[in-house]
N, C-alpha and C. Protein backbone atom coordinates (compact mmCIF):
# COMPACT_ATOMS: atom_id res chain seq x y z
N MET A 1 73.64 66.56 115.12
CA MET A 1 72.60 66.53 114.19
C MET A 1 71.76 67.76 114.24
N VAL A 2 71.65 68.55 113.10
CA VAL A 2 70.91 69.73 113.06
C VAL A 2 69.62 69.48 112.28
N ILE A 3 68.49 69.88 112.94
CA ILE A 3 67.21 69.67 112.27
C ILE A 3 66.50 70.98 112.27
N PRO A 4 66.39 71.65 111.16
CA PRO A 4 65.67 72.93 111.04
C PRO A 4 64.14 72.65 110.86
N VAL A 5 63.37 73.40 111.60
CA VAL A 5 61.83 73.29 111.64
C VAL A 5 61.18 74.60 111.45
N LYS A 6 60.38 74.82 110.33
CA LYS A 6 59.64 75.97 110.14
C LYS A 6 58.68 76.29 111.19
N ARG A 7 58.14 77.55 111.22
CA ARG A 7 57.03 77.87 112.07
C ARG A 7 55.73 77.03 111.46
N LEU A 8 55.09 76.60 112.45
CA LEU A 8 53.98 75.66 112.09
C LEU A 8 52.93 76.31 111.18
N PRO A 9 52.54 77.50 111.33
CA PRO A 9 51.53 78.03 110.36
C PRO A 9 52.02 78.01 108.84
N GLU A 10 53.33 77.93 108.62
CA GLU A 10 53.90 77.97 107.33
C GLU A 10 54.39 76.63 106.87
N ALA A 11 53.98 75.55 107.59
CA ALA A 11 54.62 74.25 107.33
C ALA A 11 53.72 73.41 106.49
N LYS A 12 54.25 72.61 105.52
CA LYS A 12 53.45 71.67 104.72
C LYS A 12 52.31 72.23 104.01
N SER A 13 52.50 73.28 103.36
CA SER A 13 51.37 73.87 102.49
C SER A 13 50.90 73.04 101.41
N ARG A 14 51.67 71.95 100.99
CA ARG A 14 51.24 71.09 99.92
C ARG A 14 50.48 69.94 100.35
N LEU A 15 50.13 69.79 101.77
CA LEU A 15 49.22 68.82 102.27
C LEU A 15 47.73 69.24 102.10
N ALA A 16 47.44 69.53 100.91
CA ALA A 16 46.00 70.00 100.69
C ALA A 16 45.33 68.57 100.36
N PRO A 17 44.04 68.55 100.76
CA PRO A 17 43.06 69.63 101.20
C PRO A 17 42.99 69.75 102.77
N LEU A 18 44.00 69.31 103.42
CA LEU A 18 43.86 69.58 104.92
C LEU A 18 43.88 70.96 105.28
N SER A 19 43.20 71.41 106.41
CA SER A 19 43.23 72.81 106.82
C SER A 19 44.58 73.12 107.41
N GLY A 20 44.84 74.41 107.52
CA GLY A 20 46.08 74.77 108.12
C GLY A 20 46.31 74.30 109.40
N GLU A 21 45.41 74.19 110.34
CA GLU A 21 45.45 73.57 111.62
C GLU A 21 45.94 72.18 111.62
N HIS A 22 45.32 71.47 110.65
CA HIS A 22 45.74 70.04 110.61
C HIS A 22 47.07 69.88 109.98
N ARG A 23 47.42 70.66 109.06
CA ARG A 23 48.79 70.61 108.45
C ARG A 23 49.79 70.90 109.63
N ALA A 24 49.51 71.93 110.37
CA ALA A 24 50.37 72.30 111.57
C ALA A 24 50.55 71.06 112.47
N ALA A 25 49.48 70.41 112.81
CA ALA A 25 49.52 69.26 113.77
C ALA A 25 50.39 68.15 113.13
N LEU A 26 50.30 67.91 111.89
CA LEU A 26 51.00 66.83 111.28
C LEU A 26 52.45 67.23 111.06
N ALA A 27 52.76 68.39 110.76
CA ALA A 27 54.07 68.86 110.66
C ALA A 27 54.84 68.74 112.03
N LEU A 28 54.13 69.09 113.05
CA LEU A 28 54.76 68.96 114.44
C LEU A 28 54.98 67.44 114.65
N ALA A 29 53.99 66.63 114.38
CA ALA A 29 54.13 65.13 114.65
C ALA A 29 55.35 64.57 113.78
N PHE A 30 55.54 64.97 112.52
CA PHE A 30 56.55 64.55 111.72
C PHE A 30 57.83 64.85 112.35
N ALA A 31 57.99 66.19 112.80
CA ALA A 31 59.21 66.64 113.38
C ALA A 31 59.48 65.92 114.69
N SER A 32 58.50 65.61 115.43
CA SER A 32 58.58 64.85 116.67
C SER A 32 59.10 63.39 116.45
N ASP A 33 58.63 62.67 115.55
CA ASP A 33 59.13 61.37 115.16
C ASP A 33 60.47 61.39 114.63
N THR A 34 60.77 62.38 113.81
CA THR A 34 62.14 62.56 113.33
C THR A 34 63.17 62.73 114.52
N VAL A 35 62.81 63.62 115.45
CA VAL A 35 63.74 63.86 116.52
C VAL A 35 63.91 62.70 117.44
N VAL A 36 62.76 61.99 117.72
CA VAL A 36 62.91 60.81 118.49
C VAL A 36 63.85 59.78 117.92
N ALA A 37 63.72 59.53 116.61
CA ALA A 37 64.63 58.56 116.01
C ALA A 37 66.05 59.06 116.03
N ALA A 38 66.26 60.32 115.87
CA ALA A 38 67.67 60.86 115.89
C ALA A 38 68.29 60.76 117.27
N VAL A 39 67.55 61.20 118.24
CA VAL A 39 68.05 61.13 119.61
C VAL A 39 68.36 59.79 120.01
N ALA A 40 67.70 58.76 119.51
CA ALA A 40 67.93 57.42 119.84
C ALA A 40 69.20 56.76 119.26
N SER A 41 69.70 57.38 118.20
CA SER A 41 70.88 56.84 117.56
C SER A 41 72.07 56.82 118.38
N PRO A 42 72.78 55.70 118.47
CA PRO A 42 74.05 55.68 119.33
C PRO A 42 75.20 56.43 118.67
N VAL A 43 75.18 56.85 117.42
CA VAL A 43 76.20 57.67 116.83
C VAL A 43 75.90 59.18 116.87
N VAL A 44 74.65 59.59 117.31
CA VAL A 44 74.35 61.04 117.39
C VAL A 44 74.60 61.44 118.85
N ALA A 45 75.56 62.37 119.01
CA ALA A 45 75.93 62.92 120.24
C ALA A 45 74.80 63.95 120.78
N ALA A 46 74.31 64.70 119.86
CA ALA A 46 73.26 65.69 120.21
C ALA A 46 72.49 66.09 119.05
N VAL A 47 71.23 66.49 119.33
CA VAL A 47 70.30 67.00 118.28
C VAL A 47 69.99 68.40 118.51
N PHE A 48 70.24 69.26 117.61
CA PHE A 48 69.94 70.71 117.66
C PHE A 48 68.72 71.01 116.73
N VAL A 49 67.73 71.46 117.19
CA VAL A 49 66.54 71.93 116.47
C VAL A 49 66.56 73.40 116.32
N VAL A 50 66.63 73.78 115.04
CA VAL A 50 66.62 75.31 114.75
C VAL A 50 65.26 75.74 114.37
N THR A 51 64.63 76.61 115.32
CA THR A 51 63.28 77.02 115.08
C THR A 51 62.98 78.39 115.78
N ASP A 52 62.00 79.05 115.30
CA ASP A 52 61.51 80.21 116.06
C ASP A 52 60.04 80.07 116.35
N ASP A 53 59.68 78.87 116.33
CA ASP A 53 58.21 78.56 116.76
C ASP A 53 58.18 77.99 118.22
N ARG A 54 57.55 78.54 119.09
CA ARG A 54 57.53 78.30 120.55
C ARG A 54 56.94 76.95 120.74
N ARG A 55 55.98 76.58 120.13
CA ARG A 55 55.29 75.29 120.16
C ARG A 55 56.20 74.18 119.82
N VAL A 56 56.84 74.41 118.70
CA VAL A 56 57.83 73.43 118.26
C VAL A 56 59.03 73.24 119.32
N ALA A 57 59.49 74.41 119.74
CA ALA A 57 60.56 74.37 120.79
C ALA A 57 60.16 73.63 122.04
N ARG A 58 59.02 73.84 122.46
CA ARG A 58 58.50 73.15 123.72
C ARG A 58 58.44 71.66 123.45
N ARG A 59 57.77 71.21 122.35
CA ARG A 59 57.61 69.76 122.13
C ARG A 59 58.92 69.03 121.82
N LEU A 60 59.83 69.60 121.06
CA LEU A 60 61.03 68.94 120.61
C LEU A 60 62.02 69.11 121.74
N GLY A 61 61.99 70.10 122.48
CA GLY A 61 62.81 70.26 123.56
C GLY A 61 62.59 69.13 124.68
N ALA A 62 61.31 68.84 124.92
CA ALA A 62 60.89 67.78 125.78
C ALA A 62 61.26 66.33 125.31
N LEU A 63 61.55 66.34 123.97
CA LEU A 63 61.96 64.96 123.40
C LEU A 63 63.45 64.81 123.34
N GLY A 64 64.25 65.76 123.88
CA GLY A 64 65.51 65.56 124.06
C GLY A 64 66.45 66.48 123.11
N ALA A 65 65.83 67.32 122.30
CA ALA A 65 66.63 68.22 121.44
C ALA A 65 66.99 69.52 122.12
N ARG A 66 68.14 70.02 121.75
CA ARG A 66 68.51 71.39 122.11
C ARG A 66 68.06 72.38 121.12
N ILE A 67 67.49 73.51 121.58
CA ILE A 67 66.76 74.45 120.79
C ILE A 67 67.64 75.58 120.44
N VAL A 68 67.85 75.91 119.13
CA VAL A 68 68.58 76.97 118.56
C VAL A 68 67.62 77.99 118.02
N PRO A 69 67.71 79.26 118.36
CA PRO A 69 66.82 80.22 117.71
C PRO A 69 67.06 80.42 116.21
N ASP A 70 66.02 80.36 115.45
CA ASP A 70 66.15 80.54 114.01
C ASP A 70 66.03 82.06 113.71
N ASP A 71 67.19 82.75 114.01
CA ASP A 71 67.19 84.24 113.72
C ASP A 71 68.27 84.60 112.62
N ALA A 72 68.58 83.60 111.83
CA ALA A 72 69.52 83.89 110.71
C ALA A 72 68.77 84.24 109.44
N SER A 73 69.40 84.86 108.50
CA SER A 73 68.80 84.96 107.20
C SER A 73 69.15 83.78 106.34
N GLY A 74 68.51 83.66 105.19
CA GLY A 74 69.00 82.57 104.22
C GLY A 74 67.99 81.46 104.26
N GLY A 75 66.83 81.55 104.97
CA GLY A 75 65.85 80.50 104.86
C GLY A 75 66.32 79.20 105.43
N LEU A 76 66.02 78.11 104.79
CA LEU A 76 66.44 76.83 105.27
C LEU A 76 67.93 76.62 105.46
N ASN A 77 68.64 76.98 104.41
CA ASN A 77 70.08 76.85 104.58
C ASN A 77 70.73 77.72 105.58
N GLY A 78 70.22 78.90 105.86
CA GLY A 78 70.61 79.80 106.85
C GLY A 78 70.33 79.14 108.26
N ALA A 79 69.20 78.44 108.44
CA ALA A 79 68.92 77.81 109.59
C ALA A 79 69.81 76.59 109.84
N VAL A 80 70.19 75.89 108.84
CA VAL A 80 71.12 74.79 108.96
C VAL A 80 72.46 75.35 109.39
N GLU A 81 72.89 76.50 108.79
CA GLU A 81 74.17 77.00 109.15
C GLU A 81 74.21 77.49 110.61
N ALA A 82 73.12 78.01 111.13
CA ALA A 82 73.05 78.46 112.52
C ALA A 82 73.18 77.22 113.37
N GLY A 83 72.44 76.18 113.03
CA GLY A 83 72.56 74.96 113.74
C GLY A 83 73.96 74.38 113.78
N ARG A 84 74.65 74.42 112.62
CA ARG A 84 75.96 73.98 112.46
C ARG A 84 76.98 74.64 113.45
N ILE A 85 76.83 75.98 113.46
CA ILE A 85 77.77 76.74 114.37
C ILE A 85 77.62 76.43 115.79
N HIS A 86 76.36 76.26 116.18
CA HIS A 86 76.02 75.81 117.65
C HIS A 86 76.62 74.49 117.93
N ALA A 87 76.43 73.50 116.93
CA ALA A 87 76.91 72.21 117.14
C ALA A 87 78.46 72.18 117.30
N LEU A 88 79.08 72.87 116.49
CA LEU A 88 80.57 72.99 116.54
C LEU A 88 81.09 73.64 117.86
N ALA A 89 80.31 74.66 118.17
CA ALA A 89 80.60 75.27 119.49
C ALA A 89 80.54 74.36 120.63
N ASP A 90 79.61 73.43 120.55
CA ASP A 90 79.44 72.55 121.66
C ASP A 90 80.48 71.48 121.72
N ASP A 91 80.92 70.97 120.54
CA ASP A 91 81.97 70.07 120.40
C ASP A 91 82.64 70.09 119.07
N PRO A 92 83.70 70.87 118.94
CA PRO A 92 84.29 70.98 117.58
C PRO A 92 85.04 69.80 117.04
N ARG A 93 85.06 68.66 117.90
CA ARG A 93 85.68 67.40 117.47
C ARG A 93 84.72 66.60 116.62
N ARG A 94 83.51 66.79 116.64
CA ARG A 94 82.51 65.97 115.99
C ARG A 94 82.12 66.50 114.63
N ARG A 95 81.75 65.48 113.76
CA ARG A 95 81.13 66.00 112.47
C ARG A 95 79.70 66.37 112.66
N VAL A 96 79.22 67.20 111.74
CA VAL A 96 77.89 67.69 111.82
C VAL A 96 77.06 67.11 110.70
N ALA A 97 75.83 66.76 110.99
CA ALA A 97 74.82 66.34 109.90
C ALA A 97 73.67 67.28 109.99
N ALA A 98 73.00 67.47 108.83
CA ALA A 98 71.72 68.14 108.77
C ALA A 98 70.67 67.17 108.30
N LEU A 99 69.55 67.18 108.97
CA LEU A 99 68.43 66.27 108.67
C LEU A 99 67.05 66.98 108.48
N THR A 100 66.36 66.60 107.44
CA THR A 100 65.08 67.35 107.33
C THR A 100 64.09 66.83 108.35
N ALA A 101 63.09 67.65 108.72
CA ALA A 101 62.20 67.39 109.84
C ALA A 101 60.95 66.66 109.43
N ASP A 102 60.88 66.16 108.15
CA ASP A 102 59.56 65.61 107.74
C ASP A 102 59.78 64.09 107.30
N LEU A 103 60.32 63.37 108.34
CA LEU A 103 60.60 61.97 108.12
C LEU A 103 59.83 61.24 109.20
N PRO A 104 58.44 61.13 109.00
CA PRO A 104 57.61 60.57 110.11
C PRO A 104 57.85 59.11 110.33
N GLY A 105 58.39 58.36 109.41
CA GLY A 105 58.61 56.95 109.50
C GLY A 105 60.13 56.58 109.75
N LEU A 106 60.94 57.61 110.10
CA LEU A 106 62.32 57.36 110.21
C LEU A 106 62.60 56.36 111.34
N ARG A 107 63.43 55.43 110.89
CA ARG A 107 63.84 54.28 111.93
C ARG A 107 65.37 54.56 112.33
N THR A 108 65.61 54.59 113.61
CA THR A 108 66.85 54.85 114.09
C THR A 108 67.95 54.01 113.46
N VAL A 109 67.64 52.77 113.08
CA VAL A 109 68.61 51.83 112.49
C VAL A 109 69.07 52.37 111.12
N ASP A 110 68.14 52.95 110.34
CA ASP A 110 68.47 53.40 109.01
C ASP A 110 69.28 54.65 109.09
N LEU A 111 69.03 55.56 110.08
CA LEU A 111 69.81 56.68 110.27
C LEU A 111 71.22 56.38 110.82
N THR A 112 71.24 55.41 111.57
CA THR A 112 72.60 55.00 112.15
C THR A 112 73.45 54.34 111.18
N GLU A 113 72.93 53.53 110.36
CA GLU A 113 73.75 52.88 109.31
C GLU A 113 74.16 53.87 108.35
N ALA A 114 73.37 54.79 107.93
CA ALA A 114 73.75 55.77 106.93
C ALA A 114 75.02 56.64 107.42
N LEU A 115 74.83 57.13 108.74
CA LEU A 115 75.90 57.89 109.34
C LEU A 115 77.21 57.10 109.43
N ALA A 116 77.03 55.85 109.99
CA ALA A 116 78.17 54.97 110.24
C ALA A 116 78.93 54.55 109.00
N SER A 117 78.16 54.52 107.84
CA SER A 117 78.81 54.09 106.61
C SER A 117 79.49 55.27 105.80
N ALA A 118 79.21 56.45 106.24
CA ALA A 118 79.61 57.62 105.44
C ALA A 118 81.21 57.70 105.39
N PRO A 119 81.67 58.22 104.26
CA PRO A 119 83.20 58.41 104.17
C PRO A 119 83.52 59.63 104.94
N ASP A 120 84.77 60.04 104.92
CA ASP A 120 85.30 61.10 105.69
C ASP A 120 84.71 62.55 105.12
N GLY A 121 84.65 62.57 103.80
CA GLY A 121 84.11 63.79 103.19
C GLY A 121 82.67 64.08 103.32
N ARG A 122 82.18 65.21 102.68
CA ARG A 122 80.79 65.43 102.77
C ARG A 122 80.04 64.36 101.99
N ALA A 123 78.90 64.14 102.53
CA ALA A 123 78.02 63.01 101.86
C ALA A 123 76.57 63.27 102.10
N PHE A 124 75.65 62.76 101.35
CA PHE A 124 74.25 63.01 101.56
C PHE A 124 73.45 61.85 101.16
N VAL A 125 72.08 61.80 101.54
CA VAL A 125 71.15 60.88 101.20
C VAL A 125 70.16 61.54 100.32
N ALA A 126 69.70 61.04 99.21
CA ALA A 126 68.66 61.63 98.38
C ALA A 126 67.30 61.17 98.88
N ASP A 127 66.25 61.97 98.66
CA ASP A 127 64.94 61.55 99.04
C ASP A 127 64.40 60.48 98.10
N ALA A 128 63.18 59.97 98.44
CA ALA A 128 62.64 58.95 97.66
C ALA A 128 62.41 59.27 96.20
N PRO A 129 61.95 60.40 95.86
CA PRO A 129 61.90 60.77 94.40
C PRO A 129 63.22 60.85 93.72
N GLY A 130 64.24 61.22 94.47
CA GLY A 130 65.61 61.22 93.88
C GLY A 130 66.13 62.48 93.63
N SER A 131 65.42 63.58 93.70
CA SER A 131 65.91 64.87 93.36
C SER A 131 66.20 65.80 94.50
N GLY A 132 65.83 65.38 95.69
CA GLY A 132 65.94 66.22 96.93
C GLY A 132 66.97 65.53 97.85
N THR A 133 67.09 66.06 98.97
CA THR A 133 68.04 65.68 100.05
C THR A 133 67.35 65.55 101.44
N THR A 134 67.52 64.43 102.05
CA THR A 134 67.00 64.31 103.43
C THR A 134 68.11 64.43 104.47
N LEU A 135 69.31 64.02 104.13
CA LEU A 135 70.42 63.88 105.14
C LEU A 135 71.66 64.57 104.47
N LEU A 136 72.39 65.48 105.11
CA LEU A 136 73.68 65.92 104.58
C LEU A 136 74.67 65.84 105.72
N LEU A 137 75.83 65.26 105.48
CA LEU A 137 76.89 65.07 106.42
C LEU A 137 78.04 65.88 106.18
N SER A 138 78.59 66.55 107.19
CA SER A 138 79.82 67.36 106.96
C SER A 138 81.13 66.55 106.73
N ASP A 139 82.07 67.17 106.28
CA ASP A 139 83.45 66.53 106.28
C ASP A 139 84.00 66.52 107.74
N ALA A 140 85.21 66.13 107.83
CA ALA A 140 85.83 65.95 109.21
C ALA A 140 86.07 67.31 109.89
N HIS A 141 86.02 68.41 109.06
CA HIS A 141 86.24 69.79 109.59
C HIS A 141 84.93 70.49 109.93
N GLY A 142 83.81 69.82 109.76
CA GLY A 142 82.55 70.35 110.12
C GLY A 142 81.87 71.18 108.99
N THR A 143 82.41 71.18 107.75
CA THR A 143 81.90 71.90 106.65
C THR A 143 80.65 71.21 106.10
N LEU A 144 79.57 71.90 106.06
CA LEU A 144 78.31 71.30 105.46
C LEU A 144 78.14 71.93 104.07
N ALA A 145 78.13 73.23 103.87
CA ALA A 145 77.89 73.87 102.66
C ALA A 145 76.40 73.37 102.19
N ALA A 146 75.46 73.58 102.96
CA ALA A 146 74.09 73.06 102.67
C ALA A 146 73.56 73.86 101.48
N ARG A 147 72.88 73.00 100.66
CA ARG A 147 72.24 73.48 99.44
C ARG A 147 70.84 72.92 99.33
N PHE A 148 70.17 72.95 100.43
CA PHE A 148 68.68 72.41 100.38
C PHE A 148 67.73 73.27 99.64
N GLY A 149 66.78 72.73 98.99
CA GLY A 149 65.99 73.47 98.22
C GLY A 149 65.54 72.55 96.95
N VAL A 150 64.99 73.19 95.90
CA VAL A 150 64.56 72.46 94.70
C VAL A 150 65.77 71.81 94.12
N ASP A 151 65.67 70.55 93.80
CA ASP A 151 66.76 69.72 93.17
C ASP A 151 68.03 69.79 93.84
N SER A 152 67.95 69.78 95.33
CA SER A 152 69.07 69.86 96.09
C SER A 152 70.04 68.72 96.00
N ARG A 153 69.60 67.51 95.53
CA ARG A 153 70.40 66.31 95.32
C ARG A 153 71.52 66.72 94.32
N TYR A 154 71.14 67.46 93.21
CA TYR A 154 72.03 67.77 92.14
C TYR A 154 73.01 68.84 92.58
N ALA A 155 72.40 69.81 93.44
CA ALA A 155 73.34 70.86 93.96
C ALA A 155 74.30 70.31 94.80
N HIS A 156 73.94 69.32 95.66
CA HIS A 156 74.95 68.77 96.61
C HIS A 156 76.02 67.95 95.91
N GLU A 157 75.56 67.13 94.86
CA GLU A 157 76.47 66.51 94.05
C GLU A 157 77.49 67.46 93.32
N ALA A 158 76.96 68.52 92.79
CA ALA A 158 77.80 69.39 92.09
C ALA A 158 78.85 70.08 93.03
N SER A 159 78.44 70.23 94.31
CA SER A 159 79.42 70.85 95.22
C SER A 159 80.42 69.81 95.81
N GLY A 160 80.39 68.56 95.24
CA GLY A 160 81.35 67.59 95.66
C GLY A 160 80.99 66.61 96.77
N ALA A 161 79.74 66.78 97.27
CA ALA A 161 79.23 65.77 98.20
C ALA A 161 78.88 64.42 97.60
N LEU A 162 79.31 63.31 98.30
CA LEU A 162 79.09 62.03 97.78
C LEU A 162 77.68 61.42 98.13
N LEU A 163 76.97 60.96 97.11
CA LEU A 163 75.68 60.34 97.39
C LEU A 163 75.89 58.96 98.07
N LEU A 164 75.14 58.74 99.23
CA LEU A 164 75.18 57.55 99.98
C LEU A 164 74.06 56.58 99.42
N ALA A 165 74.49 55.78 98.45
CA ALA A 165 73.45 54.85 97.86
C ALA A 165 73.20 53.84 98.85
N GLY A 166 71.89 53.31 98.67
CA GLY A 166 71.41 52.19 99.46
C GLY A 166 70.91 52.60 100.89
N ALA A 167 70.67 53.82 101.14
CA ALA A 167 70.17 54.25 102.39
C ALA A 167 68.81 53.63 102.66
N GLY A 168 68.44 53.40 103.88
CA GLY A 168 67.18 52.82 104.15
C GLY A 168 65.95 53.63 103.75
N ARG A 169 64.84 52.88 103.40
CA ARG A 169 63.72 53.69 102.79
C ARG A 169 63.20 54.68 103.76
N SER A 170 63.20 54.35 105.13
CA SER A 170 62.68 55.37 106.02
C SER A 170 63.37 56.63 106.10
N LEU A 171 64.65 56.63 105.78
CA LEU A 171 65.52 57.83 105.78
C LEU A 171 65.26 58.72 104.51
N ARG A 172 64.60 58.03 103.53
CA ARG A 172 64.37 58.65 102.24
C ARG A 172 63.00 59.16 102.05
N ARG A 173 62.12 58.73 102.94
CA ARG A 173 60.74 58.99 102.72
C ARG A 173 60.26 60.25 103.44
N ASP A 174 60.58 61.45 102.92
CA ASP A 174 60.14 62.65 103.38
C ASP A 174 58.69 62.87 102.97
N VAL A 175 57.92 63.79 103.57
CA VAL A 175 56.56 63.94 103.25
C VAL A 175 56.28 65.46 102.91
N ASP A 176 55.85 65.70 101.67
CA ASP A 176 55.42 66.99 101.21
C ASP A 176 54.10 66.99 100.68
N THR A 177 53.61 65.88 100.18
CA THR A 177 52.29 65.76 99.53
C THR A 177 51.44 64.71 100.19
N MET A 178 50.17 64.67 99.85
CA MET A 178 49.29 63.65 100.36
C MET A 178 49.79 62.24 99.81
N ASP A 179 50.27 62.21 98.63
CA ASP A 179 50.72 60.92 98.16
C ASP A 179 52.00 60.48 98.98
N ASP A 180 52.93 61.35 99.30
CA ASP A 180 54.01 61.10 100.17
C ASP A 180 53.42 60.53 101.47
N LEU A 181 52.53 61.16 102.08
CA LEU A 181 52.01 60.76 103.36
C LEU A 181 51.38 59.25 103.29
N ALA A 182 50.69 59.15 102.21
CA ALA A 182 50.07 57.70 102.03
C ALA A 182 51.26 56.68 102.02
N ASP A 183 52.30 57.04 101.30
CA ASP A 183 53.42 56.08 101.18
C ASP A 183 54.06 55.94 102.52
N ALA A 184 54.30 57.07 103.23
CA ALA A 184 54.85 56.86 104.62
C ALA A 184 54.01 56.00 105.58
N ILE A 185 52.67 56.11 105.48
CA ILE A 185 51.82 55.40 106.29
C ILE A 185 52.02 53.95 105.92
N ASP A 186 52.08 53.56 104.70
CA ASP A 186 52.20 52.27 104.25
C ASP A 186 53.59 51.73 104.78
N LEU A 187 54.60 52.55 104.77
CA LEU A 187 55.94 52.14 105.42
C LEU A 187 55.92 51.90 106.81
N GLY A 188 55.15 52.81 107.45
CA GLY A 188 54.96 52.75 108.96
C GLY A 188 55.54 54.02 109.64
N VAL A 189 54.62 54.80 110.18
CA VAL A 189 55.01 56.04 110.88
C VAL A 189 55.17 55.91 112.32
N GLY A 190 55.85 56.85 112.90
CA GLY A 190 56.07 56.91 114.36
C GLY A 190 54.89 57.19 115.17
N ALA A 191 55.10 57.08 116.55
CA ALA A 191 53.98 57.21 117.44
C ALA A 191 53.33 58.53 117.45
N HIS A 192 54.16 59.60 117.23
CA HIS A 192 53.48 60.96 117.24
C HIS A 192 52.64 61.24 115.96
N THR A 193 53.18 60.75 114.87
CA THR A 193 52.38 60.90 113.60
C THR A 193 51.14 59.99 113.65
N THR A 194 51.17 58.70 114.12
CA THR A 194 50.12 57.89 114.34
C THR A 194 49.00 58.52 115.19
N ALA A 195 49.42 59.15 116.34
CA ALA A 195 48.49 59.85 117.16
C ALA A 195 47.86 61.03 116.46
N ALA A 196 48.59 61.74 115.62
CA ALA A 196 48.01 62.90 115.00
C ALA A 196 47.04 62.47 113.97
N LEU A 197 47.40 61.44 113.26
CA LEU A 197 46.43 60.86 112.24
C LEU A 197 45.12 60.42 112.89
N LYS A 198 45.26 59.80 114.07
CA LYS A 198 43.98 59.33 114.71
C LYS A 198 43.11 60.52 115.25
N LEU A 199 43.76 61.58 115.71
CA LEU A 199 43.06 62.73 116.11
C LEU A 199 42.36 63.36 114.98
N LEU A 200 42.93 63.32 113.81
CA LEU A 200 42.30 63.92 112.56
C LEU A 200 41.37 62.95 111.88
N ASP A 201 41.25 61.83 112.52
CA ASP A 201 40.34 60.66 111.82
C ASP A 201 40.89 60.25 110.51
N CYS A 202 42.24 60.30 110.34
CA CYS A 202 42.85 59.97 109.06
C CYS A 202 43.19 58.47 109.04
N ALA A 203 43.28 57.84 110.10
CA ALA A 203 43.74 56.43 110.11
C ALA A 203 42.57 55.45 110.28
N PRO A 204 42.52 54.37 109.70
CA PRO A 204 43.65 53.87 108.88
C PRO A 204 43.51 54.22 107.51
N ARG A 205 42.47 54.96 107.00
CA ARG A 205 42.31 55.30 105.56
C ARG A 205 42.62 56.73 105.34
N LEU A 206 43.68 57.07 104.62
CA LEU A 206 44.11 58.47 104.43
C LEU A 206 42.99 59.11 103.58
N GLY A 207 42.43 58.44 102.66
CA GLY A 207 41.43 58.90 101.89
C GLY A 207 40.29 59.64 102.64
N ASP A 208 40.01 59.03 103.76
CA ASP A 208 38.89 59.60 104.53
C ASP A 208 39.27 60.96 105.12
N CYS A 209 40.57 61.00 105.46
CA CYS A 209 41.04 62.30 105.99
C CYS A 209 41.10 63.41 104.88
N ALA A 210 41.38 63.07 103.70
CA ALA A 210 41.49 63.86 102.64
C ALA A 210 40.16 64.54 102.19
N LEU A 211 39.12 63.93 102.58
CA LEU A 211 37.79 64.43 102.27
C LEU A 211 37.26 65.35 103.35
N ARG A 212 37.88 65.52 104.40
CA ARG A 212 37.31 66.30 105.47
C ARG A 212 37.60 67.85 105.19
């Protein structure tokens, strides 16, 4: 499992009106809950976090992830490719998956069921709005051909990847905006995000946080 994570000062710019410091704290919490859920899956052999943020590396490394330096060009897809290469070098017999780092409510059972039900070829899970991608799974040879970005769902479909319909809601609920965060809270977020929200006095009412 490859999880790319941006440098915290650059993360979650659309979570306005929160301050940059607060956005960074939430972004780290989202990634932490995502990693915890992935590490716990019985079908995930290893989790590789691709980042060049030392704070991210320390936190997620302590949670069981292996840290890969994000020194490749190509933005998010370049980071995914760097992680893919490391994962295959670790064990070329296994398939590779790429997972977004902003799934604070991710349940291990939803991730496990999606991975276990995937066909032999490339496959992906669309996000809650339906135009993005939260999970991309390689074919049996380890080919991902990641096309994360705007309207990535359609880019992955056009590239021949199969949409995994019926994926659990927690695997589809990524968080980019305050509305997304409110929906994730309603769904139920993990321990790290819960703690971050409490520190920001955001829980239980997100609206109170938005006014600070």
